[in-house]
Structures are given as structure tokens and as C-alpha cells.
Protein backbone atom coordinates (compact mmCIF):
# COMPACT_ATOMS: atom_id res chain seq x y z
CA MET A 1 -1.19 10.44 -33.17
CA LYS A 2 -0.12 7.79 -35.70
CA LYS A 3 3.38 9.24 -35.76
CA PHE A 4 3.48 9.17 -31.96
CA LEU A 5 2.41 5.52 -31.86
CA LEU A 6 4.98 4.66 -34.49
CA PHE A 7 7.61 6.27 -32.29
CA LEU A 8 6.55 4.25 -29.24
CA ALA A 9 6.08 0.88 -30.93
CA PRO A 10 9.74 -0.23 -31.05
CA LEU A 11 10.30 0.79 -27.44
CA LEU A 12 7.22 -1.11 -26.28
CA ILE A 13 8.47 -4.17 -28.16
CA ALA A 14 11.85 -3.77 -26.47
CA ILE A 15 10.33 -3.51 -23.00
CA THR A 16 8.08 -6.54 -23.50
CA ILE A 17 10.87 -8.78 -24.73
CA PHE A 18 13.28 -7.43 -22.12
CA PHE A 19 10.99 -8.53 -19.30
CA GLY A 20 10.68 -12.02 -20.69
CA ILE A 21 14.18 -12.82 -21.86
CA LEU A 22 15.94 -12.90 -18.50
CA PHE A 23 13.48 -15.47 -17.17
CA PHE A 24 13.64 -17.82 -20.13
CA LEU A 25 17.36 -17.70 -20.95
CA ASP A 26 19.36 -20.89 -20.51
CA ARG A 27 21.78 -20.03 -17.71
CA LYS A 28 24.28 -22.62 -18.99
CA THR A 29 24.90 -20.95 -22.33
CA GLY A 30 28.00 -18.83 -22.99
CA LYS A 31 25.95 -16.40 -25.02
CA GLY A 32 23.59 -13.49 -24.50
CA ALA A 33 20.63 -11.96 -26.32
CA LEU A 34 20.65 -8.75 -28.35
CA LEU A 35 17.59 -6.63 -29.11
CA VAL A 36 17.83 -3.60 -31.40
CA THR A 37 14.99 -1.18 -32.24
CA SER A 38 15.05 2.13 -34.07
CA VAL A 39 12.98 4.85 -35.70
CA PRO A 40 13.22 4.88 -38.67
CA LYS A 41 14.01 1.32 -39.76
CA SER A 42 17.78 0.74 -39.91
CA ARG A 43 20.37 -1.80 -40.93
CA VAL A 44 22.21 -3.35 -37.96
CA TYR A 45 25.95 -4.03 -38.09
CA LEU A 46 27.96 -5.84 -35.42
CA GLU A 47 31.72 -5.47 -35.81
CA ASN A 48 31.04 -4.09 -39.33
CA LYS A 49 29.08 -7.23 -40.28
CA LEU A 50 25.45 -6.82 -41.38
CA ILE A 51 23.27 -8.95 -39.10
CA GLY A 52 19.78 -7.70 -39.98
CA THR A 53 17.40 -4.76 -39.89
CA THR A 54 15.41 -3.27 -37.03
CA PRO A 55 13.47 -4.42 -35.17
CA PHE A 56 16.15 -7.09 -34.66
CA CYS A 57 16.22 -9.72 -31.92
CA ALA A 58 18.86 -12.40 -31.51
CA CYS A 59 16.81 -13.90 -28.70
CA ASP A 60 16.70 -17.64 -29.34
CA LEU A 61 19.62 -19.94 -28.51
CA ALA A 62 20.48 -20.48 -32.17
CA ARG A 63 20.94 -16.75 -32.84
CA MET A 64 22.35 -15.48 -29.54
CA VAL A 65 25.66 -13.61 -29.53
CA ASP A 66 28.88 -14.80 -27.91
CA VAL A 67 29.75 -12.91 -24.73
CA GLY A 68 32.15 -10.03 -25.25
CA ASN A 69 32.44 -6.39 -26.27
CA TYR A 70 31.28 -5.27 -29.70
CA THR A 71 30.86 -2.18 -31.83
CA ILE A 72 27.25 -1.87 -32.97
CA LYS A 73 26.30 0.40 -35.85
CA LEU A 74 22.82 1.42 -37.02
CA VAL A 75 22.45 2.83 -40.53
CA PRO A 76 18.99 4.35 -41.22
CA LEU A 77 17.39 3.25 -44.47
CA ASN A 78 16.71 6.95 -44.93
CA GLY A 79 20.12 7.93 -46.27
CA ASN A 80 19.82 11.53 -45.08
CA LEU A 81 20.33 10.61 -41.43
CA ARG A 82 23.73 10.02 -39.87
CA PRO A 83 24.55 6.45 -38.72
CA PHE A 84 24.78 5.68 -35.01
CA GLU A 85 27.73 3.76 -33.57
CA GLU A 86 28.46 2.69 -29.99
CA ARG A 87 30.27 0.03 -27.94
CA ILE A 88 28.10 -2.58 -26.23
CA THR A 89 28.71 -5.56 -23.97
CA ILE A 90 27.01 -8.93 -24.31
CA ASN A 91 26.98 -10.74 -20.96
CA LYS A 92 26.20 -14.38 -20.31
CA SER A 93 22.52 -15.31 -20.30
CA THR A 94 21.29 -11.70 -20.26
CA LEU A 95 19.74 -9.29 -22.73
CA THR A 96 21.42 -6.20 -24.14
CA ALA A 97 18.82 -3.80 -25.56
CA VAL A 98 19.60 -0.92 -27.94
CA ASP A 99 16.97 1.66 -28.92
CA LYS A 100 17.68 4.67 -31.13
CA THR A 101 15.49 7.42 -32.54
CA PHE A 102 17.18 9.31 -35.37
CA ALA A 103 16.62 13.00 -36.11
CA ASP A 104 18.41 15.92 -37.70
CA ASN A 105 20.47 18.52 -35.84
CA GLY A 106 21.20 16.37 -32.81
CA GLU A 107 17.54 16.05 -31.84
CA GLY A 108 17.59 12.24 -31.84
CA ASP A 109 17.85 10.24 -28.63
CA GLY A 110 18.27 6.65 -27.51
CA ASN A 111 19.38 4.26 -24.82
CA ILE A 112 21.43 1.11 -24.31
CA ILE A 113 20.45 -1.24 -21.48
CA GLU A 114 22.82 -3.96 -20.28
CA LEU A 115 22.86 -6.40 -17.36
CA MET A 116 26.09 -7.35 -15.61
CA PRO A 117 26.25 -10.09 -12.93
CA LEU A 118 27.32 -9.01 -9.44
CA ASN A 119 29.46 -11.02 -7.05
CA ASN A 120 26.76 -10.75 -4.38
CA LYS A 121 23.71 -12.45 -5.87
CA LYS A 122 21.44 -10.68 -3.38
CA ASP A 123 22.38 -7.19 -4.56
CA VAL A 124 20.61 -5.02 -7.13
CA GLU A 125 22.37 -2.02 -8.68
CA VAL A 126 21.59 0.54 -11.38
CA LEU A 127 24.30 2.49 -13.21
CA ILE A 128 23.08 5.53 -15.16
CA ILE A 129 25.33 7.24 -17.69
CA SER A 130 24.13 10.05 -19.91
CA LEU A 131 25.53 11.76 -22.99
CA PRO A 132 26.01 14.58 -22.21
CA ASP A 133 26.74 13.98 -18.53
CA LYS A 134 25.75 16.00 -15.47
CA ALA A 135 22.08 15.30 -16.11
CA ASN A 136 19.42 14.99 -13.40
CA VAL A 137 18.26 11.46 -12.61
CA PHE A 138 14.78 10.58 -11.34
CA LEU A 139 13.89 7.04 -10.30
CA ASP A 140 10.15 6.48 -9.94
CA SER A 141 9.70 10.29 -9.93
CA ASN A 142 12.17 10.73 -7.04
CA PRO A 143 15.38 12.76 -7.63
CA VAL A 144 18.35 10.49 -6.91
CA GLY A 145 21.41 12.32 -8.25
CA ILE A 146 23.44 13.54 -11.21
CA THR A 147 24.97 11.42 -13.97
CA PRO A 148 27.16 9.45 -14.01
CA LEU A 149 25.43 7.77 -11.07
CA LEU A 150 25.60 4.34 -9.43
CA LEU A 151 22.59 3.38 -7.30
CA LYS A 152 22.92 0.49 -4.86
CA GLN A 153 20.32 -1.48 -2.92
CA VAL A 154 17.66 -0.81 -5.54
CA SER A 155 14.53 -2.93 -5.26
CA GLU A 156 14.10 -5.84 -7.66
CA SER A 157 11.14 -4.51 -9.62
CA ASP A 158 9.95 -2.42 -12.55
CA HIS A 159 11.13 1.18 -12.39
CA ASP A 160 10.64 4.41 -14.32
CA LEU A 161 13.92 6.15 -15.09
CA ARG A 162 13.85 9.78 -16.24
CA ILE A 163 16.83 11.90 -17.28
CA THR A 164 16.64 15.70 -17.64
CA ARG A 165 19.16 18.39 -18.55
CA ASP A 166 18.83 22.03 -19.54
CA GLY A 167 18.87 22.43 -23.31
CA TYR A 168 17.94 18.78 -23.93
CA LYS A 169 14.70 16.85 -24.21
CA ASP A 170 13.65 14.78 -21.21
CA LYS A 171 14.22 11.07 -21.70
CA SER A 172 12.17 8.38 -19.93
CA VAL A 173 13.09 4.70 -19.91
CA ARG A 174 11.18 1.82 -18.35
CA ILE A 175 13.62 -0.63 -16.72
CA LYS A 176 13.35 -3.92 -14.85
CA THR A 177 16.03 -4.73 -12.30
CA ALA A 178 17.07 -8.28 -11.47
CA LEU A 179 18.49 -9.81 -8.30
CA GLY A 180 22.23 -10.34 -8.54
CA PHE A 181 22.69 -7.96 -11.48
CA ARG A 182 23.77 -4.39 -12.17
CA LEU A 183 21.56 -2.76 -14.78
CA SER A 184 23.57 -0.29 -16.84
CA ALA A 185 21.64 2.40 -18.70
CA LEU A 186 23.47 4.58 -21.22
CA VAL A 187 20.99 7.34 -22.08
CA LEU A 188 21.54 9.52 -25.15
CA LEU A 189 19.79 12.88 -24.82
CA GLY A 190 18.39 14.76 -27.80
CA VAL A 191 18.88 18.51 -28.20
CA LYS A 192 15.74 20.62 -27.87
CA ALA A 193 14.50 21.77 -31.26
CA ASP A 194 14.69 25.47 -30.43
CA LEU A 195 18.36 25.10 -29.50
CA SER A 196 19.47 22.80 -32.30
CA SER A 197 18.97 25.33 -35.10
CA PRO A 198 21.50 28.15 -35.42
CA VAL A 199 20.14 31.65 -34.82
CA ALA A 200 21.80 34.70 -36.34
CA SER A 201 22.98 37.21 -33.76
CA VAL A 202 25.44 40.04 -33.37
CA SER A 203 28.06 39.46 -30.71
CA ALA A 204 31.66 40.18 -29.91
CA THR A 205 34.29 37.79 -31.22
CA PRO A 206 34.91 35.30 -28.41
CA SER A 207 38.36 34.59 -27.11
CA PRO A 208 39.90 31.33 -28.33
CA VAL A 209 38.99 28.40 -26.09
CA VAL A 210 41.11 25.28 -25.84
CA ALA A 211 38.82 22.29 -26.21
CA VAL A 212 39.30 19.55 -23.62
CA THR A 213 38.35 16.07 -24.74
CA LYS A 214 37.25 13.61 -22.11
CA VAL A 215 36.70 9.88 -22.12
CA LEU A 216 33.88 8.05 -20.34
CA ILE A 217 34.70 4.71 -18.71
CA LEU A 218 32.34 1.93 -19.82
CA ASN A 219 31.28 -1.27 -18.09
CA THR A 220 33.90 -3.98 -17.61
CA GLU A 221 33.64 -7.59 -16.55
CA PHE A 222 35.27 -6.86 -13.17
CA GLY A 223 33.61 -3.54 -12.36
CA PHE A 224 36.80 -1.51 -12.83
CA LEU A 225 39.39 -0.70 -15.50
CA ARG A 226 43.13 -0.93 -14.95
CA VAL A 227 45.26 2.15 -15.58
CA ARG A 228 48.73 1.21 -16.80
CA GLU A 229 52.05 3.04 -16.83
CA SER A 230 52.29 2.75 -20.61
CA GLY A 231 50.06 1.66 -23.46
CA SER A 232 50.80 -2.05 -23.17
CA ILE A 233 49.02 -4.99 -21.56
CA ASN A 234 52.35 -5.96 -19.98
CA SER A 235 52.88 -2.53 -18.40
CA ALA A 236 52.58 -2.05 -14.64
CA GLU A 237 49.19 -1.16 -13.14
CA ILE A 238 49.28 2.25 -11.44
CA ALA A 239 45.59 2.82 -10.66
CA GLN A 240 42.02 1.68 -11.29
CA VAL A 241 39.06 3.66 -12.65
CA LYS A 242 35.37 2.78 -12.46
CA PRO A 243 32.52 2.67 -15.01
CA GLY A 244 30.72 5.99 -15.30
CA GLU A 245 33.76 8.10 -14.41
CA SER A 246 35.19 10.67 -16.85
CA TYR A 247 38.82 11.70 -17.37
CA GLU A 248 40.70 14.18 -19.54
CA LEU A 249 42.16 12.62 -22.68
CA ILE A 250 45.86 13.50 -23.10
CA SER A 251 46.67 11.45 -26.20
CA GLU A 252 45.83 8.19 -27.87
CA LYS A 253 47.24 5.41 -29.97
CA GLU A 254 45.78 2.27 -31.46
CA GLY A 255 43.89 0.42 -28.72
CA TRP A 256 44.83 2.85 -25.92
CA PHE A 257 43.85 6.20 -24.36
CA LYS A 258 46.28 8.25 -22.24
CA ILE A 259 44.29 9.97 -19.48
CA LYS A 260 44.88 12.39 -16.61
CA LEU A 261 43.78 11.01 -13.24
CA THR A 262 42.30 13.07 -10.40
CA ASN A 263 45.71 13.28 -8.69
CA ASP A 264 47.22 14.76 -11.89
CA LYS A 265 49.03 11.54 -12.64
CA VAL A 266 48.72 10.17 -16.16
CA GLY A 267 48.26 6.62 -17.34
CA TRP A 268 46.95 4.45 -20.14
CA ILE A 269 43.64 2.60 -20.41
CA SER A 270 42.28 0.23 -23.03
CA SER A 271 40.14 2.14 -25.55
CA GLN A 272 37.92 -0.95 -25.72
CA TYR A 273 36.31 0.09 -22.43
CA ALA A 274 36.05 3.86 -22.92
CA VAL A 275 34.48 6.34 -25.35
CA LYS A 276 35.30 9.93 -26.21
CA LYS A 277 32.75 12.51 -25.06
């Protein structure tokens, strides 16, 4: 029971602060708040700079983070666990919340919650992305679709979000939507214990399989990401892709991913707004 409570404590802290921050933030500031919790306790790095240890909250005006995209890295104080690294977005006068539970053999899970302002201040949206994708999404116990999933016209309220997928542990996240914002939830699923450990078996040698790497489009300031003819900011725009969509990775170079679009065309996107799956 003590271990279970220890597991829940950081998440409860995150939820409590998350509910309060949006209301109290100064809407005139060009910064946003960052809350990071983890089990076990971890060092927190932002753009490779140590900023503290979990639980960490840059929640007052003096400590808030400038708006922009960052690489966050959590390094458990227990040196036997692998560090966690992900891209996050800090938006103006909102809270970005990161929660990570570390475990061996891929059994750890986590989530990243972000708020992005919408053009229509009367709208409420929820974007759910899971790693791995194609997971079942339940909102307030009702099945609503498969990840990646964008829900529109969601009520401004507290909601229970649950993600399930065969072979992975169910993940539940308590969220609070806000009028005029899209809540983005990146949910990291942990492998079930009975599937994470290798089991000896006798089987035929499988045929070689060519691995296909995909990239997942992340949130952007404008709600879409430009696809360019070549890997240059000055190159012509040939298409647009949306957050939550996945595309086959053809090649990459510094700062850019070359992807195959649904019409078999290829183009380049900024690697700042996409992650390999």
C-alpha cells in the first residue's frame, strides 16, 4: 500500500497544481509554467541544462519558462534506470505537465500534458497521442476512438482519460479542459510484465523483415506543419501535415526528416516538430 501511495503522490500533486495554474497565470506574460514529476526521484534537464530535481515546478512568474519548444530529459537518481527524453512545448500563460514512472524492460509509463490556444476562444479540443499508437481511447468511460485522435467540442470540465492496448498496461490520466484551448495528451504506455521478459521457445527461423521507421507529428503553434520540397526553410511548401499523424521516414539530416506522404509524394519536415516512433 505504501508503494502504491508513493506511486500516486507525484501524479496527485501534478493534477492539483494543474487545476490551479491556468486560473492564476498572468495572461500578459510571454512565459509558461512547467511541472515535472517522476517515480523515482530524477534530475531534470531542459536543453541539456540541469534545472532541478523532481518534483519540479517552475510555476511562479520569476521561474516560468520562455515560450518555445524544448528537449526535456529526466535522469533517475537510481543509475540503473534509463533516462527519459522527449520534446515539449511551452505555450504562453499555460502549464505543461510531465509525469514519468520509470521501470525496467519497458514497463514504465508516463504522460505529457500541454495546452495550446485555439483561434476560436469558444472551442474546446483534446488531442490524444499514444506511444505506441493505435490504442483505444476512453473519455469518461466512453469509447471515443483510436490514437492518434483529435476530439472537438469537448465540454469544459474535468475528464477521465483512459488508454488501452493489447500487450500494454492500461493508462489513466485525469485532465481538465479549458475554453479556448486544445489540450494535448501524449501518453506513454508501459509493457505488461508478462510480455516484457523474454521467454525461451523453439520456433522456425523467421524470414528477414525490413523495418519501417515512422515519425509522429507533434504540436505546432499553427496547428499544422509545412512539408517542403527540400530540407531548407527557403524551399517551396508542397503540403501540410497535422499533429498526431504518422508518416514513413525516408531519410534524415540535421534538423530535417524526409517523409513519404499518403499520396506517395515525398517531402521534408522540420525535425523540431516530429519524433521517431
